Amino acid sequence: IRPELLTGNKWCWIAIAVTASLQFLLTYTPGINDFFNNAPIDGVSWARIAVGSIIVFLVVEIMKFVGPRFLLPIVRPLFSVCLSMTPPALQGPDRTNDEAMQNV
């Protein structure tokens, strides 16, 4: 994780804060949660949500680390085969297979 990830886009963090605040208001305010027919989340459920989120985050980060280094060299030849079978009209303007593979 790079420091720019946490400090690079302040509007993203503002959007997250606004969304979390509205979700908290919707879930825990009596009357509003009755109107939307939902109930507060208990501590055990929050723990499950946190553990699940951490697992998903770690799996994605591992895939981002492993994918380009180990999986892409294996998969790249498949892209070449698929591109060679693609009709020229769908390959885009003036692109050869070699040029298209440089962008993969």
PDB file of N, CA and C in Angstrom:
ATOM      1  N   ILE A   1       0.856  -1.175   0.000  1.00  0.00           N
ATOM      2  CA  ILE A   1       0.000   0.000   0.000  1.00  0.00           C
ATOM      3  C   ILE A   1       0.899   1.234   0.000  1.00  0.00           C
ATOM      4  N   ARG A   2       0.648   2.101  -0.947  1.00  0.00           N
ATOM      5  CA  ARG A   2       1.428   3.332  -1.057  1.00  0.00           C
ATOM      6  C   ARG A   2       0.744   4.445  -0.258  1.00  0.00           C
ATOM      7  N   PRO A   3       1.514   5.406   0.269  1.00  0.00           N
ATOM      8  CA  PRO A   3       0.912   6.515   1.014  1.00  0.00           C
ATOM      9  C   PRO A   3      -0.056   7.336   0.165  1.00  0.00           C
ATOM     10  N   GLU A   4       0.191   7.413  -1.159  1.00  0.00           N
ATOM     11  CA  GLU A   4      -0.709   8.190  -2.026  1.00  0.00           C
ATOM     12  C   GLU A   4      -2.117   7.603  -2.038  1.00  0.00           C
ATOM     13  N   LEU A   5      -2.200   6.318  -1.773  1.00  0.00           N
ATOM     14  CA  LEU A   5      -3.505   5.667  -1.746  1.00  0.00           C
ATOM     15  C   LEU A   5      -4.398   6.283  -0.664  1.00  0.00           C
ATOM     16  N   LEU A   6      -3.799   6.633   0.453  1.00  0.00           N
ATOM     17  CA  LEU A   6      -4.575   7.175   1.569  1.00  0.00           C
ATOM     18  C   LEU A   6      -4.731   8.688   1.509  1.00  0.00           C
ATOM     19  N   THR A   7      -3.851   9.370   0.790  1.00  0.00           N
ATOM     20  CA  THR A   7      -3.889  10.833   0.784  1.00  0.00           C
ATOM     21  C   THR A   7      -4.143  11.424  -0.596  1.00  0.00           C
ATOM     22  N   GLY A   8      -4.222  10.600  -1.628  1.00  0.00           N
ATOM     23  CA  GLY A   8      -4.271  11.100  -2.992  1.00  0.00           C
ATOM     24  C   GLY A   8      -5.595  11.697  -3.419  1.00  0.00           C
ATOM     25  N   ASN A   9      -6.714  11.279  -2.855  1.00  0.00           N
ATOM     26  CA  ASN A   9      -8.010  11.745  -3.331  1.00  0.00           C
ATOM     27  C   ASN A   9      -8.908  12.085  -2.144  1.00  0.00           C
ATOM     28  N   LYS A  10      -8.919  13.351  -1.779  1.00  0.00           N
ATOM     29  CA  LYS A  10      -9.701  13.747  -0.597  1.00  0.00           C
ATOM     30  C   LYS A  10     -11.198  13.614  -0.849  1.00  0.00           C
ATOM     31  N   TRP A  11     -11.654  13.764  -2.104  1.00  0.00           N
ATOM     32  CA  TRP A  11     -13.081  13.663  -2.388  1.00  0.00           C
ATOM     33  C   TRP A  11     -13.588  12.237  -2.195  1.00  0.00           C
ATOM     34  N   CYS A  12     -12.737  11.281  -2.420  1.00  0.00           N
ATOM     35  CA  CYS A  12     -13.116   9.889  -2.168  1.00  0.00           C
ATOM     36  C   CYS A  12     -13.386   9.691  -0.679  1.00  0.00           C
ATOM     37  N   TRP A  13     -12.512  10.226   0.168  1.00  0.00           N
ATOM     38  CA  TRP A  13     -12.692  10.092   1.614  1.00  0.00           C
ATOM     39  C   TRP A  13     -13.920  10.856   2.098  1.00  0.00           C
ATOM     40  N   ILE A  14     -14.196  12.004   1.480  1.00  0.00           N
ATOM     41  CA  ILE A  14     -15.407  12.755   1.826  1.00  0.00           C
ATOM     42  C   ILE A  14     -16.644  11.947   1.457  1.00  0.00           C
ATOM     43  N   ALA A  15     -16.630  11.334   0.270  1.00  0.00           N
ATOM     44  CA  ALA A  15     -17.762  10.505  -0.159  1.00  0.00           C
ATOM     45  C   ALA A  15     -17.947   9.314   0.769  1.00  0.00           C
ATOM     46  N   ILE A  16     -16.861   8.700   1.187  1.00  0.00           N
ATOM     47  CA  ILE A  16     -16.951   7.564   2.121  1.00  0.00           C
ATOM     48  C   ILE A  16     -17.548   8.022   3.447  1.00  0.00           C
ATOM     49  N   ALA A  17     -17.107   9.178   3.952  1.00  0.00           N
ATOM     50  CA  ALA A  17     -17.619   9.693   5.226  1.00  0.00           C
ATOM     51  C   ALA A  17     -19.107  10.023   5.131  1.00  0.00           C
ATOM     52  N   VAL A  18     -19.515  10.656   4.039  1.00  0.00           N
ATOM     53  CA  VAL A  18     -20.932  10.999   3.876  1.00  0.00           C
ATOM     54  C   VAL A  18     -21.772   9.723   3.774  1.00  0.00           C
ATOM     55  N   THR A  19     -21.320   8.772   2.985  1.00  0.00           N
ATOM     56  CA  THR A  19     -22.065   7.514   2.824  1.00  0.00           C
ATOM     57  C   THR A  19     -22.165   6.755   4.143  1.00  0.00           C
ATOM     58  N   ALA A  20     -21.051   6.661   4.870  1.00  0.00           N
ATOM     59  CA  ALA A  20     -21.063   5.956   6.159  1.00  0.00           C
ATOM     60  C   ALA A  20     -21.978   6.664   7.153  1.00  0.00           C
ATOM     61  N   SER A  21     -21.945   7.995   7.167  1.00  0.00           N
ATOM     62  CA  SER A  21     -22.811   8.755   8.080  1.00  0.00           C
ATOM     63  C   SER A  21     -24.285   8.525   7.768  1.00  0.00           C
ATOM     64  N   LEU A  22     -24.629   8.579   6.494  1.00  0.00           N
ATOM     65  CA  LEU A  22     -26.029   8.354   6.116  1.00  0.00           C
ATOM     66  C   LEU A  22     -26.465   6.923   6.431  1.00  0.00           C
ATOM     67  N   GLN A  23     -25.564   5.967   6.202  1.00  0.00           N
ATOM     68  CA  GLN A  23     -25.900   4.576   6.515  1.00  0.00           C
ATOM     69  C   GLN A  23     -26.086   4.391   8.017  1.00  0.00           C
ATOM     70  N   PHE A  24     -25.224   5.021   8.814  1.00  0.00           N
ATOM     71  CA  PHE A  24     -25.349   4.951  10.266  1.00  0.00           C
ATOM     72  C   PHE A  24     -26.674   5.566  10.709  1.00  0.00           C
ATOM     73  N   LEU A  25     -27.015   6.730  10.134  1.00  0.00           N
ATOM     74  CA  LEU A  25     -28.278   7.404  10.455  1.00  0.00           C
ATOM     75  C   LEU A  25     -29.460   6.513  10.083  1.00  0.00           C
ATOM     76  N   LEU A  26     -29.425   5.931   8.911  1.00  0.00           N
ATOM     77  CA  LEU A  26     -30.517   5.090   8.439  1.00  0.00           C
ATOM     78  C   LEU A  26     -30.679   3.838   9.297  1.00  0.00           C
ATOM     79  N   THR A  27     -29.565   3.291   9.757  1.00  0.00           N
ATOM     80  CA  THR A  27     -29.611   2.025  10.482  1.00  0.00           C
ATOM     81  C   THR A  27     -29.948   2.194  11.956  1.00  0.00           C
ATOM     82  N   TYR A  28     -29.438   3.237  12.596  1.00  0.00           N
ATOM     83  CA  TYR A  28     -29.531   3.323  14.055  1.00  0.00           C
ATOM     84  C   TYR A  28     -30.503   4.371  14.586  1.00  0.00           C
ATOM     85  N   THR A  29     -31.116   5.173  13.734  1.00  0.00           N
ATOM     86  CA  THR A  29     -32.057   6.185  14.221  1.00  0.00           C
ATOM     87  C   THR A  29     -33.453   5.582  14.299  1.00  0.00           C
ATOM     88  N   PRO A  30     -34.024   5.533  15.529  1.00  0.00           N
ATOM     89  CA  PRO A  30     -35.375   4.974  15.648  1.00  0.00           C
ATOM     90  C   PRO A  30     -36.353   5.804  14.827  1.00  0.00           C
ATOM     91  N   GLY A  31     -37.245   5.199  14.183  1.00  0.00           N
ATOM     92  CA  GLY A  31     -38.187   5.915  13.325  1.00  0.00           C
ATOM     93  C   GLY A  31     -37.736   5.857  11.877  1.00  0.00           C
ATOM     94  N   ILE A  32     -36.513   6.254  11.624  1.00  0.00           N
ATOM     95  CA  ILE A  32     -36.001   6.157  10.255  1.00  0.00           C
ATOM     96  C   ILE A  32     -35.781   4.692   9.897  1.00  0.00           C
ATOM     97  N   ASN A  33     -35.172   3.941  10.829  1.00  0.00           N
ATOM     98  CA  ASN A  33     -34.964   2.526  10.507  1.00  0.00           C
ATOM     99  C   ASN A  33     -36.290   1.766  10.461  1.00  0.00           C
ATOM    100  N   ASP A  34     -37.303   2.216  11.210  1.00  0.00           N
ATOM    101  CA  ASP A  34     -38.625   1.599  11.110  1.00  0.00           C
ATOM    102  C   ASP A  34     -39.243   1.881   9.745  1.00  0.00           C
ATOM    103  N   PHE A  35     -39.083   3.110   9.265  1.00  0.00           N
ATOM    104  CA  PHE A  35     -39.629   3.500   7.963  1.00  0.00           C
ATOM    105  C   PHE A  35     -39.018   2.651   6.839  1.00  0.00           C
ATOM    106  N   PHE A  36     -37.709   2.418   6.914  1.00  0.00           N
ATOM    107  CA  PHE A  36     -37.033   1.630   5.880  1.00  0.00           C
ATOM    108  C   PHE A  36     -37.010   0.131   6.207  1.00  0.00           C
ATOM    109  N   ASN A  37     -37.634  -0.249   7.311  1.00  0.00           N
ATOM    110  CA  ASN A  37     -37.769  -1.646   7.705  1.00  0.00           C
ATOM    111  C   ASN A  37     -36.411  -2.351   7.827  1.00  0.00           C
ATOM    112  N   ASN A  38     -35.499  -1.724   8.560  1.00  0.00           N
ATOM    113  CA  ASN A  38     -34.222  -2.396   8.859  1.00  0.00           C
ATOM    114  C   ASN A  38     -33.939  -2.261  10.347  1.00  0.00           C
ATOM    115  N   ALA A  39     -32.969  -3.013  10.826  1.00  0.00           N
ATOM    116  CA  ALA A  39     -32.678  -3.057  12.255  1.00  0.00           C
ATOM    117  C   ALA A  39     -31.194  -2.806  12.483  1.00  0.00           C
ATOM    118  N   PRO A  40     -30.849  -2.342  13.675  1.00  0.00           N
ATOM    119  CA  PRO A  40     -29.438  -2.139  13.987  1.00  0.00           C
ATOM    120  C   PRO A  40     -28.647  -3.445  13.895  1.00  0.00           C
ATOM    121  N   ILE A  41     -27.356  -3.310  13.600  1.00  0.00           N
ATOM    122  CA  ILE A  41     -26.478  -4.458  13.474  1.00  0.00           C
ATOM    123  C   ILE A  41     -25.791  -4.684  14.810  1.00  0.00           C
ATOM    124  N   ASP A  42     -25.789  -5.934  15.298  1.00  0.00           N
ATOM    125  CA  ASP A  42     -25.161  -6.226  16.587  1.00  0.00           C
ATOM    126  C   ASP A  42     -23.649  -6.390  16.433  1.00  0.00           C
ATOM    127  N   GLY A  43     -22.963  -6.509  17.549  1.00  0.00           N
ATOM    128  CA  GLY A  43     -21.508  -6.580  17.559  1.00  0.00           C
ATOM    129  C   GLY A  43     -20.945  -7.795  16.837  1.00  0.00           C
ATOM    130  N   VAL A  44     -21.618  -8.941  16.971  1.00  0.00           N
ATOM    131  CA  VAL A  44     -21.151 -10.154  16.301  1.00  0.00           C
ATOM    132  C   VAL A  44     -21.213  -9.978  14.780  1.00  0.00           C
ATOM    133  N   SER A  45     -22.276  -9.373  14.310  1.00  0.00           N
ATOM    134  CA  SER A  45     -22.405  -9.127  12.870  1.00  0.00           C
ATOM    135  C   SER A  45     -21.333  -8.156  12.384  1.00  0.00           C
ATOM    136  N   TRP A  46     -21.039  -7.121  13.187  1.00  0.00           N
ATOM    137  CA  TRP A  46     -19.979  -6.177  12.809  1.00  0.00           C
ATOM    138  C   TRP A  46     -18.623  -6.882  12.757  1.00  0.00           C
ATOM    139  N   ALA A  47     -18.399  -7.814  13.682  1.00  0.00           N
ATOM    140  CA  ALA A  47     -17.142  -8.571  13.658  1.00  0.00           C
ATOM    141  C   ALA A  47     -17.057  -9.430  12.397  1.00  0.00           C
ATOM    142  N   ARG A  48     -18.166 -10.063  12.013  1.00  0.00           N
ATOM    143  CA  ARG A  48     -18.186 -10.852  10.781  1.00  0.00           C
ATOM    144  C   ARG A  48     -17.922  -9.960   9.564  1.00  0.00           C
ATOM    145  N   ILE A  49     -18.525  -8.802   9.537  1.00  0.00           N
ATOM    146  CA  ILE A  49     -18.318  -7.869   8.431  1.00  0.00           C
ATOM    147  C   ILE A  49     -16.856  -7.438   8.361  1.00  0.00           C
ATOM    148  N   ALA A  50     -16.265  -7.136   9.512  1.00  0.00           N
ATOM    149  CA  ALA A  50     -14.865  -6.701   9.544  1.00  0.00           C
ATOM    150  C   ALA A  50     -13.930  -7.812   9.076  1.00  0.00           C
ATOM    151  N   VAL A  51     -14.148  -9.022   9.570  1.00  0.00           N
ATOM    152  CA  VAL A  51     -13.293 -10.150   9.172  1.00  0.00           C
ATOM    153  C   VAL A  51     -13.448 -10.426   7.677  1.00  0.00           C
ATOM    154  N   GLY A  52     -14.663 -10.437   7.193  1.00  0.00           N
ATOM    155  CA  GLY A  52     -14.888 -10.658   5.757  1.00  0.00           C
ATOM    156  C   GLY A  52     -14.244  -9.585   4.901  1.00  0.00           C
ATOM    157  N   SER A  53     -14.338  -8.331   5.335  1.00  0.00           N
ATOM    158  CA  SER A  53     -13.726  -7.233   4.590  1.00  0.00           C
ATOM    159  C   SER A  53     -12.210  -7.353   4.564  1.00  0.00           C
ATOM    160  N   ILE A  54     -11.630  -7.723   5.682  1.00  0.00           N
ATOM    161  CA  ILE A  54     -10.166  -7.887   5.748  1.00  0.00           C
ATOM    162  C   ILE A  54      -9.724  -9.033   4.845  1.00  0.00           C
ATOM    163  N   ILE A  55     -10.469 -10.117   4.840  1.00  0.00           N
ATOM    164  CA  ILE A  55     -10.122 -11.253   3.980  1.00  0.00           C
ATOM    165  C   ILE A  55     -10.183 -10.858   2.504  1.00  0.00           C
ATOM    166  N   VAL A  56     -11.247 -10.186   2.117  1.00  0.00           N
ATOM    167  CA  VAL A  56     -11.375  -9.750   0.722  1.00  0.00           C
ATOM    168  C   VAL A  56     -10.238  -8.797   0.357  1.00  0.00           C
ATOM    169  N   PHE A  57      -9.935  -7.850   1.233  1.00  0.00           N
ATOM    170  CA  PHE A  57      -8.844  -6.895   0.980  1.00  0.00           C
ATOM    171  C   PHE A  57      -7.522  -7.636   0.784  1.00  0.00           C
ATOM    172  N   LEU A  58      -7.218  -8.583   1.667  1.00  0.00           N
ATOM    173  CA  LEU A  58      -5.954  -9.314   1.567  1.00  0.00           C
ATOM    174  C   LEU A  58      -5.886 -10.158   0.291  1.00  0.00           C
ATOM    175  N   VAL A  59      -6.987 -10.810  -0.060  1.00  0.00           N
ATOM    176  CA  VAL A  59      -7.001 -11.617  -1.286  1.00  0.00           C
ATOM    177  C   VAL A  59      -6.765 -10.744  -2.508  1.00  0.00           C
ATOM    178  N   VAL A  60      -7.408  -9.590  -2.571  1.00  0.00           N
ATOM    179  CA  VAL A  60      -7.219  -8.685  -3.713  1.00  0.00           C
ATOM    180  C   VAL A  60      -5.786  -8.182  -3.768  1.00  0.00           C
ATOM    181  N   GLU A  61      -5.213  -7.816  -2.627  1.00  0.00           N
ATOM    182  CA  GLU A  61      -3.826  -7.338  -2.614  1.00  0.00           C
ATOM    183  C   GLU A  61      -2.851  -8.440  -3.035  1.00  0.00           C
ATOM    184  N   ILE A  62      -3.098  -9.664  -2.600  1.00  0.00           N
ATOM    185  CA  ILE A  62      -2.244 -10.788  -3.010  1.00  0.00           C
ATOM    186  C   ILE A  62      -2.376 -11.010  -4.514  1.00  0.00           C
ATOM    187  N   MET A  63      -3.593 -10.936  -5.042  1.00  0.00           N
ATOM    188  CA  MET A  63      -3.794 -11.105  -6.480  1.00  0.00           C
ATOM    189  C   MET A  63      -3.088 -10.005  -7.266  1.00  0.00           C
ATOM    190  N   LYS A  64      -3.123  -8.784  -6.756  1.00  0.00           N
ATOM    191  CA  LYS A  64      -2.437  -7.687  -7.448  1.00  0.00           C
ATOM    192  C   LYS A  64      -0.930  -7.882  -7.421  1.00  0.00           C
ATOM    193  N   PHE A  65      -0.409  -8.496  -6.384  1.00  0.00           N
ATOM    194  CA  PHE A  65       1.029  -8.746  -6.283  1.00  0.00           C
ATOM    195  C   PHE A  65       1.439  -9.934  -7.151  1.00  0.00           C
ATOM    196  N   VAL A  66       0.672 -11.013  -7.080  1.00  0.00           N
ATOM    197  CA  VAL A  66       1.024 -12.255  -7.771  1.00  0.00           C
ATOM    198  C   VAL A  66       0.687 -12.197  -9.259  1.00  0.00           C
ATOM    199  N   GLY A  67      -0.444 -11.612  -9.595  1.00  0.00           N
ATOM    200  CA  GLY A  67      -0.930 -11.628 -10.970  1.00  0.00           C
ATOM    201  C   GLY A  67       0.067 -11.159 -12.020  1.00  0.00           C
ATOM    202  N   PRO A  68       0.545  -9.933 -11.951  1.00  0.00           N
ATOM    203  CA  PRO A  68       1.448  -9.458 -12.998  1.00  0.00           C
ATOM    204  C   PRO A  68       2.764 -10.217 -13.059  1.00  0.00           C
ATOM    205  N   ARG A  69       3.246 -10.684 -11.941  1.00  0.00           N
ATOM    206  CA  ARG A  69       4.557 -11.334 -11.908  1.00  0.00           C
ATOM    207  C   ARG A  69       4.513 -12.788 -12.365  1.00  0.00           C
ATOM    208  N   PHE A  70       3.459 -13.499 -12.021  1.00  0.00           N
ATOM    209  CA  PHE A  70       3.432 -14.934 -12.259  1.00  0.00           C
ATOM    210  C   PHE A  70       2.328 -15.380 -13.214  1.00  0.00           C
ATOM    211  N   LEU A  71       1.142 -14.797 -13.092  1.00  0.00           N
ATOM    212  CA  LEU A  71       0.032 -15.259 -13.908  1.00  0.00           C
ATOM    213  C   LEU A  71      -0.006 -14.630 -15.292  1.00  0.00           C
ATOM    214  N   LEU A  72       0.347 -13.365 -15.412  1.00  0.00           N
ATOM    215  CA  LEU A  72       0.280 -12.700 -16.713  1.00  0.00           C
ATOM    216  C   LEU A  72       1.178 -13.356 -17.750  1.00  0.00           C
ATOM    217  N   PRO A  73       2.406 -13.769 -17.427  1.00  0.00           N
ATOM    218  CA  PRO A  73       3.206 -14.478 -18.437  1.00  0.00           C
ATOM    219  C   PRO A  73       2.561 -15.780 -18.920  1.00  0.00           C
ATOM    220  N   ILE A  74       1.769 -16.413 -18.082  1.00  0.00           N
ATOM    221  CA  ILE A  74       1.077 -17.645 -18.474  1.00  0.00           C
ATOM    222  C   ILE A  74      -0.132 -17.317 -19.345  1.00  0.00           C
ATOM    223  N   VAL A  75      -0.844 -16.243 -18.998  1.00  0.00           N
ATOM    224  CA  VAL A  75      -2.087 -15.901 -19.677  1.00  0.00           C
ATOM    225  C   VAL A  75      -1.843 -15.114 -20.969  1.00  0.00           C
ATOM    226  N   ARG A  76      -0.750 -14.383 -21.069  1.00  0.00           N
ATOM    227  CA  ARG A  76      -0.483 -13.530 -22.229  1.00  0.00           C
ATOM    228  C   ARG A  76      -0.600 -14.273 -23.559  1.00  0.00           C
ATOM    229  N   PRO A  77      -0.070 -15.519 -23.699  1.00  0.00           N
ATOM    230  CA  PRO A  77      -0.250 -16.221 -24.982  1.00  0.00           C
ATOM    231  C   PRO A  77      -1.722 -16.466 -25.332  1.00  0.00           C
ATOM    232  N   LEU A  78      -2.568 -16.645 -24.321  1.00  0.00           N
ATOM    233  CA  LEU A  78      -3.997 -16.826 -24.591  1.00  0.00           C
ATOM    234  C   LEU A  78      -4.607 -15.565 -25.184  1.00  0.00           C
ATOM    235  N   PHE A  79      -4.132 -14.383 -24.728  1.00  0.00           N
ATOM    236  CA  PHE A  79      -4.605 -13.130 -25.304  1.00  0.00           C
ATOM    237  C   PHE A  79      -4.247 -13.059 -26.783  1.00  0.00           C
ATOM    238  N   SER A  80      -3.057 -13.512 -27.137  1.00  0.00           N
ATOM    239  CA  SER A  80      -2.629 -13.501 -28.539  1.00  0.00           C
ATOM    240  C   SER A  80      -3.536 -14.379 -29.384  1.00  0.00           C
ATOM    241  N   VAL A  81      -3.858 -15.558 -28.870  1.00  0.00           N
ATOM    242  CA  VAL A  81      -4.735 -16.469 -29.614  1.00  0.00           C
ATOM    243  C   VAL A  81      -6.117 -15.846 -29.786  1.00  0.00           C
ATOM    244  N   CYS A  82      -6.662 -15.279 -28.739  1.00  0.00           N
ATOM    245  CA  CYS A  82      -7.985 -14.657 -28.811  1.00  0.00           C
ATOM    246  C   CYS A  82      -7.977 -13.482 -29.778  1.00  0.00           C
ATOM    247  N   LEU A  83      -6.917 -12.693 -29.753  1.00  0.00           N
ATOM    248  CA  LEU A  83      -6.836 -11.536 -30.632  1.00  0.00           C
ATOM    249  C   LEU A  83      -6.698 -11.962 -32.083  1.00  0.00           C
ATOM    250  N   SER A  84      -6.005 -13.060 -32.337  1.00  0.00           N
ATOM    251  CA  SER A  84      -5.858 -13.514 -33.717  1.00  0.00           C
ATOM    252  C   SER A  84      -7.176 -14.031 -34.266  1.00  0.00           C
ATOM    253  N   MET A  85      -8.102 -14.456 -33.407  1.00  0.00           N
ATOM    254  CA  MET A  85      -9.403 -14.946 -33.855  1.00  0.00           C
ATOM    255  C   MET A  85     -10.443 -13.828 -33.917  1.00  0.00           C
ATOM    256  N   THR A  86     -10.113 -12.641 -33.432  1.00  0.00           N
ATOM    257  CA  THR A  86     -11.048 -11.531 -33.429  1.00  0.00           C
ATOM    258  C   THR A  86     -11.125 -10.912 -34.821  1.00  0.00           C
ATOM    259  N   PRO A  87     -12.334 -10.685 -35.329  1.00  0.00           N
ATOM    260  CA  PRO A  87     -12.451 -10.050 -36.640  1.00  0.00           C
ATOM    261  C   PRO A  87     -11.792  -8.674 -36.629  1.00  0.00           C
ATOM    262  N   PRO A  88     -11.176  -8.280 -37.740  1.00  0.00           N
ATOM    263  CA  PRO A  88     -10.484  -6.979 -37.792  1.00  0.00           C
ATOM    264  C   PRO A  88     -11.377  -5.802 -37.426  1.00  0.00           C
ATOM    265  N   ALA A  89     -12.652  -5.874 -37.757  1.00  0.00           N
ATOM    266  CA  ALA A  89     -13.556  -4.759 -37.456  1.00  0.00           C
ATOM    267  C   ALA A  89     -13.702  -4.536 -35.957  1.00  0.00           C
ATOM    268  N   LEU A  90     -13.500  -5.604 -35.163  1.00  0.00           N
ATOM    269  CA  LEU A  90     -13.636  -5.482 -33.714  1.00  0.00           C
ATOM    270  C   LEU A  90     -12.314  -5.179 -33.014  1.00  0.00           C
ATOM    271  N   GLN A  91     -11.197  -5.203 -33.725  1.00  0.00           N
ATOM    272  CA  GLN A  91      -9.896  -4.952 -33.116  1.00  0.00           C
ATOM    273  C   GLN A  91      -9.599  -3.474 -32.952  1.00  0.00           C
ATOM    274  N   GLY A  92     -10.354  -2.640 -33.584  1.00  0.00           N
ATOM    275  CA  GLY A  92     -10.113  -1.210 -33.478  1.00  0.00           C
ATOM    276  C   GLY A  92      -9.362  -0.703 -34.696  1.00  0.00           C
ATOM    277  N   PRO A  93      -9.267   0.611 -34.830  1.00  0.00           N
ATOM    278  CA  PRO A  93      -8.648   1.191 -36.024  1.00  0.00           C
ATOM    279  C   PRO A  93      -7.135   0.983 -36.054  1.00  0.00           C
ATOM    280  N   ASP A  94      -6.634   0.466 -37.165  1.00  0.00           N
ATOM    281  CA  ASP A  94      -5.194   0.369 -37.449  1.00  0.00           C
ATOM    282  C   ASP A  94      -4.390  -0.265 -36.326  1.00  0.00           C
ATOM    283  N   ARG A  95      -4.882  -1.323 -35.749  1.00  0.00           N
ATOM    284  CA  ARG A  95      -4.133  -2.007 -34.690  1.00  0.00           C
ATOM    285  C   ARG A  95      -3.786  -3.404 -35.162  1.00  0.00           C
ATOM    286  N   THR A  96      -2.543  -3.745 -35.051  1.00  0.00           N
ATOM    287  CA  THR A  96      -2.137  -5.102 -35.329  1.00  0.00           C
ATOM    288  C   THR A  96      -2.155  -5.885 -34.027  1.00  0.00           C
ATOM    289  N   ASN A  97      -2.043  -7.179 -34.109  1.00  0.00           N
ATOM    290  CA  ASN A  97      -2.020  -7.999 -32.895  1.00  0.00           C
ATOM    291  C   ASN A  97      -0.870  -7.639 -31.984  1.00  0.00           C
ATOM    292  N   ASP A  98       0.301  -7.331 -32.568  1.00  0.00           N
ATOM    293  CA  ASP A  98       1.461  -6.987 -31.734  1.00  0.00           C
ATOM    294  C   ASP A  98       1.230  -5.685 -30.983  1.00  0.00           C
ATOM    295  N   GLU A  99       0.651  -4.700 -31.653  1.00  0.00           N
ATOM    296  CA  GLU A  99       0.383  -3.423 -30.976  1.00  0.00           C
ATOM    297  C   GLU A  99      -0.638  -3.603 -29.866  1.00  0.00           C
ATOM    298  N   ALA A 100      -1.654  -4.401 -30.122  1.00  0.00           N
ATOM    299  CA  ALA A 100      -2.697  -4.618 -29.122  1.00  0.00           C
ATOM    300  C   ALA A 100      -2.131  -5.358 -27.908  1.00  0.00           C
ATOM    301  N   MET A 101      -1.216  -6.296 -28.131  1.00  0.00           N
ATOM    302  CA  MET A 101      -0.644  -7.040 -27.012  1.00  0.00           C
ATOM    303  C   MET A 101       0.245  -6.180 -26.129  1.00  0.00           C
ATOM    304  N   GLN A 102       0.790  -5.100 -26.653  1.00  0.00           N
ATOM    305  CA  GLN A 102       1.609  -4.228 -25.833  1.00  0.00           C
ATOM    306  C   GLN A 102       0.788  -3.519 -24.773  1.00  0.00           C
ATOM    307  N   ASN A 103      -0.512  -3.375 -25.025  1.00  0.00           N
ATOM    308  CA  ASN A 103      -1.390  -2.703 -24.071  1.00  0.00           C
ATOM    309  C   ASN A 103      -1.943  -3.655 -23.025  1.00  0.00           C
ATOM    310  N   VAL A 104      -1.753  -4.951 -23.200  1.00  0.00           N
ATOM    311  CA  VAL A 104      -2.294  -5.934 -22.237  1.00  0.00           C
ATOM    312  C   VAL A 104      -1.402  -6.030 -21.040  1.00  0.00           C
TER     313      VAL A 104
END
